[in-house]
All heavy atoms as atom14 arrays in JSON, in Angstrom:
{
  "sequence": "KVLETPPDLIVSVGTSAMFPYIAGPIVHPPQGSRTIDINPENHDL",
  "atom14_mask": [
    [1, 1, 1, 1, 1, 1, 1, 1, 1, 0, 0, 0, 0, 0],
    [1, 1, 1, 1, 1, 1, 1, 0, 0, 0, 0, 0, 0, 0],
    [1, 1, 1, 1, 1, 1, 1, 1, 0, 0, 0, 0, 0, 0],
    [1, 1, 1, 1, 1, 1, 1, 1, 1, 0, 0, 0, 0, 0],
    [1, 1, 1, 1, 1, 1, 1, 0, 0, 0, 0, 0, 0, 0],
    [1, 1, 1, 1, 1, 1, 1, 0, 0, 0, 0, 0, 0, 0],
    [1, 1, 1, 1, 1, 1, 1, 0, 0, 0, 0, 0, 0, 0],
    [1, 1, 1, 1, 1, 1, 1, 1, 0, 0, 0, 0, 0, 0],
    [1, 1, 1, 1, 1, 1, 1, 1, 0, 0, 0, 0, 0, 0],
    [1, 1, 1, 1, 1, 1, 1, 1, 0, 0, 0, 0, 0, 0],
    [1, 1, 1, 1, 1, 1, 1, 0, 0, 0, 0, 0, 0, 0],
    [1, 1, 1, 1, 1, 1, 0, 0, 0, 0, 0, 0, 0, 0],
    [1, 1, 1, 1, 1, 1, 1, 0, 0, 0, 0, 0, 0, 0],
    [1, 1, 1, 1, 0, 0, 0, 0, 0, 0, 0, 0, 0, 0],
    [1, 1, 1, 1, 1, 1, 1, 0, 0, 0, 0, 0, 0, 0],
    [1, 1, 1, 1, 1, 1, 0, 0, 0, 0, 0, 0, 0, 0],
    [1, 1, 1, 1, 1, 0, 0, 0, 0, 0, 0, 0, 0, 0],
    [1, 1, 1, 1, 1, 1, 1, 1, 0, 0, 0, 0, 0, 0],
    [1, 1, 1, 1, 1, 1, 1, 1, 1, 1, 1, 0, 0, 0],
    [1, 1, 1, 1, 1, 1, 1, 0, 0, 0, 0, 0, 0, 0],
    [1, 1, 1, 1, 1, 1, 1, 1, 1, 1, 1, 1, 0, 0],
    [1, 1, 1, 1, 1, 1, 1, 1, 0, 0, 0, 0, 0, 0],
    [1, 1, 1, 1, 1, 0, 0, 0, 0, 0, 0, 0, 0, 0],
    [1, 1, 1, 1, 0, 0, 0, 0, 0, 0, 0, 0, 0, 0],
    [1, 1, 1, 1, 1, 1, 1, 0, 0, 0, 0, 0, 0, 0],
    [1, 1, 1, 1, 1, 1, 1, 1, 0, 0, 0, 0, 0, 0],
    [1, 1, 1, 1, 1, 1, 1, 0, 0, 0, 0, 0, 0, 0],
    [1, 1, 1, 1, 1, 1, 1, 1, 1, 1, 0, 0, 0, 0],
    [1, 1, 1, 1, 1, 1, 1, 0, 0, 0, 0, 0, 0, 0],
    [1, 1, 1, 1, 1, 1, 1, 0, 0, 0, 0, 0, 0, 0],
    [1, 1, 1, 1, 1, 1, 1, 1, 1, 0, 0, 0, 0, 0],
    [1, 1, 1, 1, 0, 0, 0, 0, 0, 0, 0, 0, 0, 0],
    [1, 1, 1, 1, 1, 1, 0, 0, 0, 0, 0, 0, 0, 0],
    [1, 1, 1, 1, 1, 1, 1, 1, 1, 1, 1, 0, 0, 0],
    [1, 1, 1, 1, 1, 1, 1, 0, 0, 0, 0, 0, 0, 0],
    [1, 1, 1, 1, 1, 1, 1, 1, 0, 0, 0, 0, 0, 0],
    [1, 1, 1, 1, 1, 1, 1, 1, 0, 0, 0, 0, 0, 0],
    [1, 1, 1, 1, 1, 1, 1, 1, 0, 0, 0, 0, 0, 0],
    [1, 1, 1, 1, 1, 1, 1, 1, 0, 0, 0, 0, 0, 0],
    [1, 1, 1, 1, 1, 1, 1, 0, 0, 0, 0, 0, 0, 0],
    [1, 1, 1, 1, 1, 1, 1, 1, 1, 0, 0, 0, 0, 0],
    [1, 1, 1, 1, 1, 1, 1, 1, 0, 0, 0, 0, 0, 0],
    [1, 1, 1, 1, 1, 1, 1, 1, 1, 1, 0, 0, 0, 0],
    [1, 1, 1, 1, 1, 1, 1, 1, 0, 0, 0, 0, 0, 0],
    [1, 1, 1, 1, 1, 1, 1, 1, 0, 0, 0, 0, 0, 0]
  ],
  "atom14_positions": [
    [[100.15, 94.12, 143.98], [99.5, 95.08, 144.86], [98.38, 95.82, 144.12], [97.3, 96.04, 144.66], [100.5, 96.07, 145.43], [99.93, 96.99, 146.48], [101.04, 97.71, 147.21], [100.5, 98.55, 148.32], [100.01, 97.81, 149.47], [0.0, 0.0, 0.0], [0.0, 0.0, 0.0], [0.0, 0.0, 0.0], [0.0, 0.0, 0.0], [0.0, 0.0, 0.0]],
    [[98.63, 96.17, 142.87], [97.61, 96.85, 142.06], [96.37, 95.95, 141.91], [95.24, 96.44, 141.98], [98.17, 97.23, 140.67], [97.06, 97.59, 139.7], [99.16, 98.37, 140.8], [0.0, 0.0, 0.0], [0.0, 0.0, 0.0], [0.0, 0.0, 0.0], [0.0, 0.0, 0.0], [0.0, 0.0, 0.0], [0.0, 0.0, 0.0], [0.0, 0.0, 0.0]],
    [[96.57, 94.67, 141.75], [95.44, 93.76, 141.55], [94.7, 93.42, 142.84], [93.64, 92.79, 142.8], [95.9, 92.48, 140.86], [96.31, 92.63, 139.4], [96.83, 91.31, 138.84], [95.16, 93.17, 138.56], [0.0, 0.0, 0.0], [0.0, 0.0, 0.0], [0.0, 0.0, 0.0], [0.0, 0.0, 0.0], [0.0, 0.0, 0.0], [0.0, 0.0, 0.0]],
    [[95.22, 93.85, 144.0], [94.51, 93.61, 145.26], [93.18, 94.34, 145.3], [92.22, 93.86, 145.88], [95.38, 94.03, 146.45], [96.52, 93.1, 146.72], [97.44, 93.59, 147.83], [97.15, 94.63, 148.46], [98.46, 92.92, 148.06], [0.0, 0.0, 0.0], [0.0, 0.0, 0.0], [0.0, 0.0, 0.0], [0.0, 0.0, 0.0], [0.0, 0.0, 0.0]],
    [[93.13, 95.52, 144.7], [91.88, 96.24, 144.55], [91.45, 96.04, 143.1], [92.12, 96.51, 142.18], [92.07, 97.76, 144.82], [92.58, 97.92, 146.13], [90.77, 98.5, 144.67], [0.0, 0.0, 0.0], [0.0, 0.0, 0.0], [0.0, 0.0, 0.0], [0.0, 0.0, 0.0], [0.0, 0.0, 0.0], [0.0, 0.0, 0.0], [0.0, 0.0, 0.0]],
    [[90.36, 95.31, 142.89], [89.99, 94.98, 141.5], [89.84, 96.22, 140.63], [89.11, 97.15, 140.97], [88.63, 94.28, 141.66], [88.64, 93.74, 143.05], [89.43, 94.74, 143.85], [0.0, 0.0, 0.0], [0.0, 0.0, 0.0], [0.0, 0.0, 0.0], [0.0, 0.0, 0.0], [0.0, 0.0, 0.0], [0.0, 0.0, 0.0], [0.0, 0.0, 0.0]],
    [[90.57, 96.25, 139.52], [90.44, 97.38, 138.6], [89.13, 97.29, 137.83], [88.57, 96.2, 137.66], [91.64, 97.22, 137.66], [91.96, 95.76, 137.71], [91.58, 95.29, 139.08], [0.0, 0.0, 0.0], [0.0, 0.0, 0.0], [0.0, 0.0, 0.0], [0.0, 0.0, 0.0], [0.0, 0.0, 0.0], [0.0, 0.0, 0.0], [0.0, 0.0, 0.0]],
    [[88.64, 98.43, 137.36], [87.44, 98.44, 136.53], [87.71, 97.79, 135.18], [86.84, 97.13, 134.62], [86.94, 99.87, 136.29], [86.46, 100.54, 137.56], [85.95, 99.83, 138.45], [86.61, 101.77, 137.66], [0.0, 0.0, 0.0], [0.0, 0.0, 0.0], [0.0, 0.0, 0.0], [0.0, 0.0, 0.0], [0.0, 0.0, 0.0], [0.0, 0.0, 0.0]],
    [[88.93, 97.98, 134.68], [89.27, 97.54, 133.34], [90.69, 97.01, 133.28], [91.61, 97.62, 133.83], [89.13, 98.72, 132.36], [89.4, 98.45, 130.89], [88.37, 97.47, 130.33], [89.37, 99.76, 130.11], [0.0, 0.0, 0.0], [0.0, 0.0, 0.0], [0.0, 0.0, 0.0], [0.0, 0.0, 0.0], [0.0, 0.0, 0.0], [0.0, 0.0, 0.0]],
    [[90.87, 95.89, 132.61], [92.19, 95.32, 132.35], [92.37, 95.3, 130.84], [91.54, 94.73, 130.12], [92.32, 93.89, 132.92], [92.14, 93.92, 134.44], [93.66, 93.28, 132.53], [92.02, 92.56, 135.08], [0.0, 0.0, 0.0], [0.0, 0.0, 0.0], [0.0, 0.0, 0.0], [0.0, 0.0, 0.0], [0.0, 0.0, 0.0], [0.0, 0.0, 0.0]],
    [[93.44, 95.94, 130.36], [93.68, 96.05, 128.92], [94.97, 95.32, 128.58], [96.02, 95.62, 129.15], [93.77, 97.52, 128.48], [93.97, 97.62, 126.98], [92.52, 98.29, 128.9], [0.0, 0.0, 0.0], [0.0, 0.0, 0.0], [0.0, 0.0, 0.0], [0.0, 0.0, 0.0], [0.0, 0.0, 0.0], [0.0, 0.0, 0.0], [0.0, 0.0, 0.0]],
    [[94.88, 94.39, 127.67], [96.04, 93.69, 127.14], [96.33, 94.29, 125.77], [95.47, 94.29, 124.89], [95.73, 92.19, 127.02], [96.76, 91.53, 126.33], [0.0, 0.0, 0.0], [0.0, 0.0, 0.0], [0.0, 0.0, 0.0], [0.0, 0.0, 0.0], [0.0, 0.0, 0.0], [0.0, 0.0, 0.0], [0.0, 0.0, 0.0], [0.0, 0.0, 0.0]],
    [[97.55, 94.82, 125.59], [97.88, 95.53, 124.36], [99.02, 94.85, 123.63], [100.12, 94.74, 124.16], [98.28, 97.0, 124.65], [98.59, 97.74, 123.36], [97.18, 97.71, 125.43], [0.0, 0.0, 0.0], [0.0, 0.0, 0.0], [0.0, 0.0, 0.0], [0.0, 0.0, 0.0], [0.0, 0.0, 0.0], [0.0, 0.0, 0.0], [0.0, 0.0, 0.0]],
    [[98.74, 94.36, 122.43], [99.76, 93.87, 121.53], [100.6, 92.73, 122.05], [101.79, 92.66, 121.78], [0.0, 0.0, 0.0], [0.0, 0.0, 0.0], [0.0, 0.0, 0.0], [0.0, 0.0, 0.0], [0.0, 0.0, 0.0], [0.0, 0.0, 0.0], [0.0, 0.0, 0.0], [0.0, 0.0, 0.0], [0.0, 0.0, 0.0], [0.0, 0.0, 0.0]],
    [[100.01, 91.85, 122.78], [100.77, 90.71, 123.3], [99.96, 89.45, 123.14], [98.73, 89.48, 123.11], [101.14, 90.91, 124.78], [101.87, 89.76, 125.23], [99.91, 91.07, 125.65], [0.0, 0.0, 0.0], [0.0, 0.0, 0.0], [0.0, 0.0, 0.0], [0.0, 0.0, 0.0], [0.0, 0.0, 0.0], [0.0, 0.0, 0.0], [0.0, 0.0, 0.0]],
    [[100.63, 88.33, 123.04], [99.91, 87.06, 123.05], [99.64, 86.64, 124.48], [98.95, 85.66, 124.73], [100.73, 85.99, 122.32], [101.98, 85.82, 122.96], [0.0, 0.0, 0.0], [0.0, 0.0, 0.0], [0.0, 0.0, 0.0], [0.0, 0.0, 0.0], [0.0, 0.0, 0.0], [0.0, 0.0, 0.0], [0.0, 0.0, 0.0], [0.0, 0.0, 0.0]],
    [[100.17, 87.41, 125.44], [99.93, 87.18, 126.86], [100.25, 85.75, 127.27], [99.53, 85.12, 128.02], [98.5, 87.56, 127.21], [0.0, 0.0, 0.0], [0.0, 0.0, 0.0], [0.0, 0.0, 0.0], [0.0, 0.0, 0.0], [0.0, 0.0, 0.0], [0.0, 0.0, 0.0], [0.0, 0.0, 0.0], [0.0, 0.0, 0.0], [0.0, 0.0, 0.0]],
    [[101.37, 85.25, 126.8], [101.76, 83.87, 127.08], [102.29, 83.68, 128.5], [102.4, 82.56, 128.95], [102.81, 83.4, 126.08], [102.29, 83.37, 124.67], [103.46, 82.73, 123.44], [105.06, 83.23, 123.99], [0.0, 0.0, 0.0], [0.0, 0.0, 0.0], [0.0, 0.0, 0.0], [0.0, 0.0, 0.0], [0.0, 0.0, 0.0], [0.0, 0.0, 0.0]],
    [[102.63, 84.75, 129.18], [103.19, 84.63, 130.51], [102.08, 84.62, 131.55], [101.13, 85.39, 131.45], [104.18, 85.76, 130.78], [105.31, 85.79, 129.78], [105.28, 86.67, 128.71], [106.34, 84.89, 129.88], [106.31, 86.68, 127.78], [107.37, 84.89, 128.95], [107.35, 85.78, 127.89], [0.0, 0.0, 0.0], [0.0, 0.0, 0.0], [0.0, 0.0, 0.0]],
    [[102.17, 83.78, 132.56], [101.09, 83.66, 133.55], [100.71, 84.98, 134.22], [99.54, 85.22, 134.46], [101.65, 82.67, 134.57], [102.67, 81.88, 133.83], [103.25, 82.82, 132.81], [0.0, 0.0, 0.0], [0.0, 0.0, 0.0], [0.0, 0.0, 0.0], [0.0, 0.0, 0.0], [0.0, 0.0, 0.0], [0.0, 0.0, 0.0], [0.0, 0.0, 0.0]],
    [[101.68, 85.82, 134.5], [101.34, 87.08, 135.17], [100.58, 88.02, 134.24], [99.89, 88.93, 134.72], [102.57, 87.77, 135.77], [103.66, 88.16, 134.8], [103.64, 89.39, 134.16], [104.73, 87.3, 134.55], [104.64, 89.76, 133.28], [105.74, 87.67, 133.69], [105.69, 88.88, 133.05], [106.68, 89.25, 132.18], [0.0, 0.0, 0.0], [0.0, 0.0, 0.0]],
    [[100.66, 87.83, 132.95], [99.87, 88.62, 132.01], [98.52, 87.94, 131.77], [97.47, 88.58, 131.8], [100.61, 88.81, 130.67], [101.88, 89.63, 130.89], [99.71, 89.46, 129.64], [102.78, 89.71, 129.68], [0.0, 0.0, 0.0], [0.0, 0.0, 0.0], [0.0, 0.0, 0.0], [0.0, 0.0, 0.0], [0.0, 0.0, 0.0], [0.0, 0.0, 0.0]],
    [[98.54, 86.65, 131.58], [97.32, 85.91, 131.26], [96.37, 85.79, 132.45], [95.15, 85.82, 132.28], [97.68, 84.52, 130.75], [0.0, 0.0, 0.0], [0.0, 0.0, 0.0], [0.0, 0.0, 0.0], [0.0, 0.0, 0.0], [0.0, 0.0, 0.0], [0.0, 0.0, 0.0], [0.0, 0.0, 0.0], [0.0, 0.0, 0.0], [0.0, 0.0, 0.0]],
    [[96.9, 85.7, 133.64], [96.08, 85.46, 134.83], [94.9, 86.4, 134.98], [93.75, 85.96, 135.09], [0.0, 0.0, 0.0], [0.0, 0.0, 0.0], [0.0, 0.0, 0.0], [0.0, 0.0, 0.0], [0.0, 0.0, 0.0], [0.0, 0.0, 0.0], [0.0, 0.0, 0.0], [0.0, 0.0, 0.0], [0.0, 0.0, 0.0], [0.0, 0.0, 0.0]],
    [[95.13, 87.72, 134.99], [94.01, 88.63, 135.18], [93.05, 88.67, 133.99], [91.94, 89.17, 134.11], [94.67, 90.0, 135.35], [96.09, 89.72, 135.66], [96.41, 88.4, 135.05], [0.0, 0.0, 0.0], [0.0, 0.0, 0.0], [0.0, 0.0, 0.0], [0.0, 0.0, 0.0], [0.0, 0.0, 0.0], [0.0, 0.0, 0.0], [0.0, 0.0, 0.0]],
    [[93.47, 88.16, 132.84], [92.59, 88.13, 131.68], [91.73, 86.87, 131.72], [90.52, 86.91, 131.52], [93.41, 88.19, 130.37], [94.13, 89.54, 130.3], [92.52, 87.99, 129.16], [95.17, 89.63, 129.24], [0.0, 0.0, 0.0], [0.0, 0.0, 0.0], [0.0, 0.0, 0.0], [0.0, 0.0, 0.0], [0.0, 0.0, 0.0], [0.0, 0.0, 0.0]],
    [[92.34, 85.74, 132.01], [91.61, 84.48, 132.08], [90.72, 84.44, 133.32], [89.59, 83.96, 133.27], [92.59, 83.28, 132.07], [91.85, 81.96, 132.29], [93.37, 83.24, 130.76], [0.0, 0.0, 0.0], [0.0, 0.0, 0.0], [0.0, 0.0, 0.0], [0.0, 0.0, 0.0], [0.0, 0.0, 0.0], [0.0, 0.0, 0.0], [0.0, 0.0, 0.0]],
    [[91.21, 84.96, 134.42], [90.46, 84.99, 135.69], [90.44, 86.42, 136.22], [91.11, 86.72, 137.21], [91.1, 84.06, 136.71], [91.25, 82.66, 136.25], [90.18, 81.81, 136.1], [92.34, 81.94, 135.87], [90.61, 80.64, 135.66], [91.92, 80.69, 135.51], [0.0, 0.0, 0.0], [0.0, 0.0, 0.0], [0.0, 0.0, 0.0], [0.0, 0.0, 0.0]],
    [[89.69, 87.32, 135.58], [89.69, 88.71, 136.05], [89.06, 88.83, 137.43], [88.17, 88.05, 137.78], [88.85, 89.44, 134.99], [88.0, 88.39, 134.38], [88.78, 87.11, 134.47], [0.0, 0.0, 0.0], [0.0, 0.0, 0.0], [0.0, 0.0, 0.0], [0.0, 0.0, 0.0], [0.0, 0.0, 0.0], [0.0, 0.0, 0.0], [0.0, 0.0, 0.0]],
    [[89.54, 89.78, 138.22], [88.91, 90.01, 139.52], [87.42, 90.34, 139.32], [87.04, 90.9, 138.29], [89.66, 91.22, 140.08], [90.96, 91.24, 139.34], [90.66, 90.69, 137.99], [0.0, 0.0, 0.0], [0.0, 0.0, 0.0], [0.0, 0.0, 0.0], [0.0, 0.0, 0.0], [0.0, 0.0, 0.0], [0.0, 0.0, 0.0], [0.0, 0.0, 0.0]],
    [[86.61, 89.96, 140.28], [85.17, 90.19, 140.18], [84.89, 91.66, 139.9], [85.42, 92.54, 140.56], [84.46, 89.76, 141.45], [82.96, 89.83, 141.33], [82.27, 89.22, 142.54], [82.91, 88.72, 143.45], [80.96, 89.26, 142.54], [0.0, 0.0, 0.0], [0.0, 0.0, 0.0], [0.0, 0.0, 0.0], [0.0, 0.0, 0.0], [0.0, 0.0, 0.0]],
    [[84.09, 91.92, 138.89], [83.73, 93.28, 138.52], [84.64, 93.91, 137.48], [84.33, 94.98, 136.97], [0.0, 0.0, 0.0], [0.0, 0.0, 0.0], [0.0, 0.0, 0.0], [0.0, 0.0, 0.0], [0.0, 0.0, 0.0], [0.0, 0.0, 0.0], [0.0, 0.0, 0.0], [0.0, 0.0, 0.0], [0.0, 0.0, 0.0], [0.0, 0.0, 0.0]],
    [[85.76, 93.27, 137.17], [86.69, 93.82, 136.17], [86.28, 93.38, 134.77], [85.89, 92.24, 134.56], [88.12, 93.34, 136.43], [88.59, 93.8, 137.68], [0.0, 0.0, 0.0], [0.0, 0.0, 0.0], [0.0, 0.0, 0.0], [0.0, 0.0, 0.0], [0.0, 0.0, 0.0], [0.0, 0.0, 0.0], [0.0, 0.0, 0.0], [0.0, 0.0, 0.0]],
    [[86.39, 94.29, 133.83], [86.15, 93.99, 132.42], [87.5, 93.88, 131.73], [88.49, 94.44, 132.2], [85.32, 95.11, 131.77], [84.0, 95.43, 132.45], [83.02, 94.34, 132.36], [82.66, 94.18, 130.95], [81.6, 93.53, 130.53], [80.79, 92.99, 131.38], [81.35, 93.42, 129.25], [0.0, 0.0, 0.0], [0.0, 0.0, 0.0], [0.0, 0.0, 0.0]],
    [[87.54, 93.17, 130.61], [88.81, 92.95, 129.9], [88.7, 93.35, 128.43], [87.68, 93.1, 127.78], [89.26, 91.49, 130.01], [88.21, 90.64, 129.53], [89.59, 91.11, 131.44], [0.0, 0.0, 0.0], [0.0, 0.0, 0.0], [0.0, 0.0, 0.0], [0.0, 0.0, 0.0], [0.0, 0.0, 0.0], [0.0, 0.0, 0.0], [0.0, 0.0, 0.0]],
    [[89.77, 93.96, 127.94], [89.87, 94.33, 126.52], [91.23, 93.85, 126.02], [92.24, 93.99, 126.69], [89.77, 95.86, 126.32], [88.39, 96.37, 126.73], [90.06, 96.23, 124.87], [88.26, 97.88, 126.63], [0.0, 0.0, 0.0], [0.0, 0.0, 0.0], [0.0, 0.0, 0.0], [0.0, 0.0, 0.0], [0.0, 0.0, 0.0], [0.0, 0.0, 0.0]],
    [[91.23, 93.33, 124.81], [92.46, 92.91, 124.15], [92.61, 93.73, 122.88], [91.68, 93.8, 122.07], [92.38, 91.41, 123.81], [93.57, 90.92, 123.03], [94.7, 91.28, 123.4], [93.38, 90.17, 122.06], [0.0, 0.0, 0.0], [0.0, 0.0, 0.0], [0.0, 0.0, 0.0], [0.0, 0.0, 0.0], [0.0, 0.0, 0.0], [0.0, 0.0, 0.0]],
    [[93.76, 94.38, 122.73], [94.06, 95.14, 121.51], [95.16, 94.4, 120.79], [96.3, 94.35, 121.25], [94.51, 96.58, 121.85], [93.4, 97.31, 122.6], [94.89, 97.32, 120.57], [93.83, 98.65, 123.17], [0.0, 0.0, 0.0], [0.0, 0.0, 0.0], [0.0, 0.0, 0.0], [0.0, 0.0, 0.0], [0.0, 0.0, 0.0], [0.0, 0.0, 0.0]],
    [[94.8, 93.77, 119.68], [95.76, 92.96, 118.95], [95.19, 92.68, 117.56], [94.04, 92.27, 117.45], [96.0, 91.64, 119.69], [97.25, 90.93, 119.23], [97.53, 90.87, 118.04], [97.99, 90.38, 120.17], [0.0, 0.0, 0.0], [0.0, 0.0, 0.0], [0.0, 0.0, 0.0], [0.0, 0.0, 0.0], [0.0, 0.0, 0.0], [0.0, 0.0, 0.0]],
    [[95.97, 92.88, 116.5], [95.44, 92.64, 115.16], [95.21, 91.16, 114.86], [94.61, 90.83, 113.84], [96.49, 93.24, 114.23], [97.73, 93.28, 115.03], [97.32, 93.43, 116.47], [0.0, 0.0, 0.0], [0.0, 0.0, 0.0], [0.0, 0.0, 0.0], [0.0, 0.0, 0.0], [0.0, 0.0, 0.0], [0.0, 0.0, 0.0], [0.0, 0.0, 0.0]],
    [[95.65, 90.28, 115.74], [95.47, 88.85, 115.52], [94.76, 88.22, 116.71], [94.94, 88.63, 117.86], [96.83, 88.17, 115.34], [97.59, 88.67, 114.13], [98.92, 87.98, 113.97], [99.12, 86.9, 114.57], [99.77, 88.51, 113.24], [0.0, 0.0, 0.0], [0.0, 0.0, 0.0], [0.0, 0.0, 0.0], [0.0, 0.0, 0.0], [0.0, 0.0, 0.0]],
    [[93.96, 87.21, 116.43], [93.4, 86.41, 117.51], [94.52, 85.53, 118.08], [95.45, 85.16, 117.37], [92.27, 85.53, 116.99], [91.03, 86.32, 116.65], [90.83, 87.41, 117.15], [90.2, 85.78, 115.78], [0.0, 0.0, 0.0], [0.0, 0.0, 0.0], [0.0, 0.0, 0.0], [0.0, 0.0, 0.0], [0.0, 0.0, 0.0], [0.0, 0.0, 0.0]],
    [[94.42, 85.22, 119.36], [95.4, 84.37, 120.01], [94.72, 83.59, 121.12], [93.49, 83.66, 121.26], [96.61, 85.18, 120.5], [96.23, 86.35, 121.35], [96.01, 86.25, 122.7], [95.99, 87.65, 121.03], [95.68, 87.43, 123.18], [95.65, 88.29, 122.19], [0.0, 0.0, 0.0], [0.0, 0.0, 0.0], [0.0, 0.0, 0.0], [0.0, 0.0, 0.0]],
    [[95.48, 82.87, 121.92], [94.9, 81.98, 122.93], [93.98, 82.68, 123.93], [93.06, 82.07, 124.45], [96.0, 81.24, 123.7], [96.73, 80.23, 122.84], [96.23, 79.89, 121.75], [97.8, 79.76, 123.26], [0.0, 0.0, 0.0], [0.0, 0.0, 0.0], [0.0, 0.0, 0.0], [0.0, 0.0, 0.0], [0.0, 0.0, 0.0], [0.0, 0.0, 0.0]],
    [[94.23, 83.95, 124.21], [93.42, 84.65, 125.2], [92.21, 85.36, 124.62], [91.34, 85.81, 125.36], [94.28, 85.65, 125.97], [95.39, 85.02, 126.81], [96.19, 86.09, 127.51], [94.81, 84.05, 127.82], [0.0, 0.0, 0.0], [0.0, 0.0, 0.0], [0.0, 0.0, 0.0], [0.0, 0.0, 0.0], [0.0, 0.0, 0.0], [0.0, 0.0, 0.0]]
  ]
}
C-alpha cells in the first residue's frame, strides 16, 4: 500500500536485499523515486 503512491526516496539500510520484496523497489523504483543504499560493502543491488 505504501508503494502505491511513489515515495520520493527509497533507502536500503544494512541489507544485501536478497528478498524480492526488498530488492523490487530498488531494482525497479517507482517513477520519480530515488534510491540510496547504506552498506559498508558492495552487493548485488
